């Protein structure tokens, strides 16, 4: 499969709340799997269709207010983790930012850049 990403991704588990704009879905609480300057991969409990638009609030560390944006679903596929407590099934959803305030976009980029930056080792 060809890699089409334009931005580096940061593996993360940020708190996310979303709702589908064109449906009757209530707000859902979930986690992001990874994040980049162009969008987010998040876990969902329901199948979302490419083209669906979501209202999203995502909590960044060291920031009181969540980052709010409207996103478009690009892809959606089943996801399964097998661990000590058994199998957990979920759905991965890749979304791209459609509408995000410049200061929120900057906060996302800063979070990714600072999290990927090698930390100084002290001895």
Protein backbone atom coordinates (compact mmCIF):
# COMPACT_ATOMS: atom_id res chain seq x y z
CA UNK A 1 0.00 0.00 0.00
CA UNK A 2 1.37 3.39 -0.97
CA UNK A 3 2.07 5.87 1.85
CA UNK A 4 0.15 9.08 1.14
CA UNK A 5 0.77 11.02 4.33
CA UNK A 6 2.13 14.52 3.99
CA UNK A 7 2.99 14.94 7.68
CA UNK A 8 4.90 12.98 10.30
CA UNK A 9 2.70 11.12 12.82
CA UNK A 10 3.08 10.87 16.57
CA UNK A 11 1.80 7.73 18.32
CA UNK A 12 -0.28 8.94 21.24
CA UNK A 13 -3.32 8.24 23.39
CA UNK A 14 -4.94 11.66 23.69
CA UNK A 15 -8.49 12.05 25.03
CA UNK A 16 -10.97 12.77 22.23
CA UNK A 17 -14.69 13.58 22.15
CA UNK A 18 -16.49 13.55 18.81
CA UNK A 19 -19.93 13.62 17.27
CA UNK A 20 -21.06 12.99 13.70
CA UNK A 21 -22.41 16.22 12.19
CA UNK A 22 -24.87 14.61 9.76
CA UNK A 23 -26.31 11.97 12.07
CA UNK A 24 -28.05 11.38 15.33
CA UNK A 25 -24.94 10.03 17.06
CA UNK A 26 -24.42 11.40 20.53
CA UNK A 27 -21.02 12.59 21.66
CA UNK A 28 -18.53 9.76 21.97
CA UNK A 29 -15.48 9.59 24.23
CA UNK A 30 -12.46 7.83 22.81
CA UNK A 31 -8.69 8.04 22.34
CA UNK A 32 -6.52 9.14 19.47
CA UNK A 33 -4.11 6.50 18.16
CA UNK A 34 -1.82 8.98 16.44
CA UNK A 35 -1.78 12.60 15.41
CA UNK A 36 -0.09 14.74 12.79
CA UNK A 37 -0.36 18.25 11.43
CA UNK A 38 -2.93 17.11 8.85
CA UNK A 39 -5.22 14.93 10.93
CA UNK A 40 -5.80 12.25 13.54
CA UNK A 41 -6.31 8.51 13.72
CA UNK A 42 -8.83 7.70 16.45
CA UNK A 43 -10.62 4.67 17.80
CA UNK A 44 -14.39 4.40 17.36
CA UNK A 45 -17.09 1.94 18.38
CA UNK A 46 -19.11 2.41 15.22
CA UNK A 47 -18.32 2.28 11.53
CA UNK A 48 -18.02 5.74 10.01
CA UNK A 49 -18.14 6.36 6.28
CA UNK A 50 -15.52 8.22 4.27
CA UNK A 51 -16.87 11.72 3.80
CA UNK A 52 -18.63 11.82 7.19
CA UNK A 53 -17.87 15.03 9.03
CA UNK A 54 -17.12 15.06 12.75
CA UNK A 55 -17.04 17.78 15.38
CA UNK A 56 -13.99 16.91 17.49
CA UNK A 57 -12.54 18.14 20.78
CA UNK A 58 -9.08 16.78 21.62
CA UNK A 59 -7.20 17.34 24.88
CA UNK A 60 -3.49 18.12 24.53
CA UNK A 61 -1.15 17.78 27.51
CA UNK A 62 -0.21 21.07 29.20
CA UNK A 63 -3.17 22.86 27.61
CA UNK A 64 -6.29 23.68 29.58
CA UNK A 65 -8.69 24.10 26.65
CA UNK A 66 -9.17 21.27 24.15
CA UNK A 67 -8.33 21.70 20.48
CA UNK A 68 -11.62 21.93 18.58
CA UNK A 69 -11.99 21.15 14.89
CA UNK A 70 -14.21 19.77 12.18
CA UNK A 71 -12.75 16.72 10.48
CA UNK A 72 -13.60 14.55 7.49
CA UNK A 73 -13.41 10.77 7.69
CA UNK A 74 -10.91 9.53 5.08
CA UNK A 75 -10.83 5.84 5.98
CA UNK A 76 -12.27 3.42 8.51
CA UNK A 77 -11.23 -0.17 9.25
CA UNK A 78 -11.52 -2.84 11.98
CA UNK A 79 -8.78 -2.97 14.61
CA UNK A 80 -8.07 -5.77 17.07
CA UNK A 81 -5.61 -5.98 19.94
CA UNK A 82 -4.78 -9.30 21.57
CA UNK A 83 -3.41 -8.86 25.07
CA UNK A 84 -3.30 -10.46 28.50
CA UNK A 85 -6.95 -9.68 29.12
CA UNK A 86 -8.10 -11.15 25.81
CA UNK A 87 -9.13 -9.60 22.53
CA UNK A 88 -10.32 -6.06 22.20
CA UNK A 89 -12.07 -5.01 19.04
CA UNK A 90 -12.44 -1.47 17.87
CA UNK A 91 -12.49 0.54 14.69
CA UNK A 92 -9.71 2.84 13.54
CA UNK A 93 -10.83 6.01 11.83
CA UNK A 94 -8.48 8.29 9.92
CA UNK A 95 -9.66 11.89 9.71
CA UNK A 96 -8.24 15.03 8.19
CA UNK A 97 -8.68 18.53 9.53
CA UNK A 98 -11.29 20.50 7.56
CA UNK A 99 -11.75 23.49 9.84
CA UNK A 100 -9.33 24.25 12.65
CA UNK A 101 -8.44 27.62 14.16
CA UNK A 102 -4.87 28.74 13.43
CA UNK A 103 -3.95 28.73 17.14
CA UNK A 104 -5.28 25.17 17.52
CA UNK A 105 -3.38 24.02 14.41
CA UNK A 106 -0.23 25.59 15.88
CA UNK A 107 -0.83 23.83 19.23
CA UNK A 108 -1.16 20.46 17.45
CA UNK A 109 2.04 21.03 15.43
CA UNK A 110 3.95 22.15 18.53
CA UNK A 111 2.77 19.09 20.45
CA UNK A 112 3.93 16.75 17.67
CA UNK A 113 7.28 18.51 17.17
CA UNK A 114 8.11 18.74 20.88
CA UNK A 115 7.05 15.13 21.51
CA UNK A 116 9.25 13.82 18.69
CA UNK A 117 12.24 15.95 19.67
CA UNK A 118 15.00 13.88 21.33
CA UNK A 119 15.18 14.65 25.03
CA UNK A 120 18.50 15.65 26.57
CA UNK A 121 19.97 12.89 28.70
CA UNK A 122 21.15 13.96 32.14
CA UNK A 123 23.47 11.87 34.23
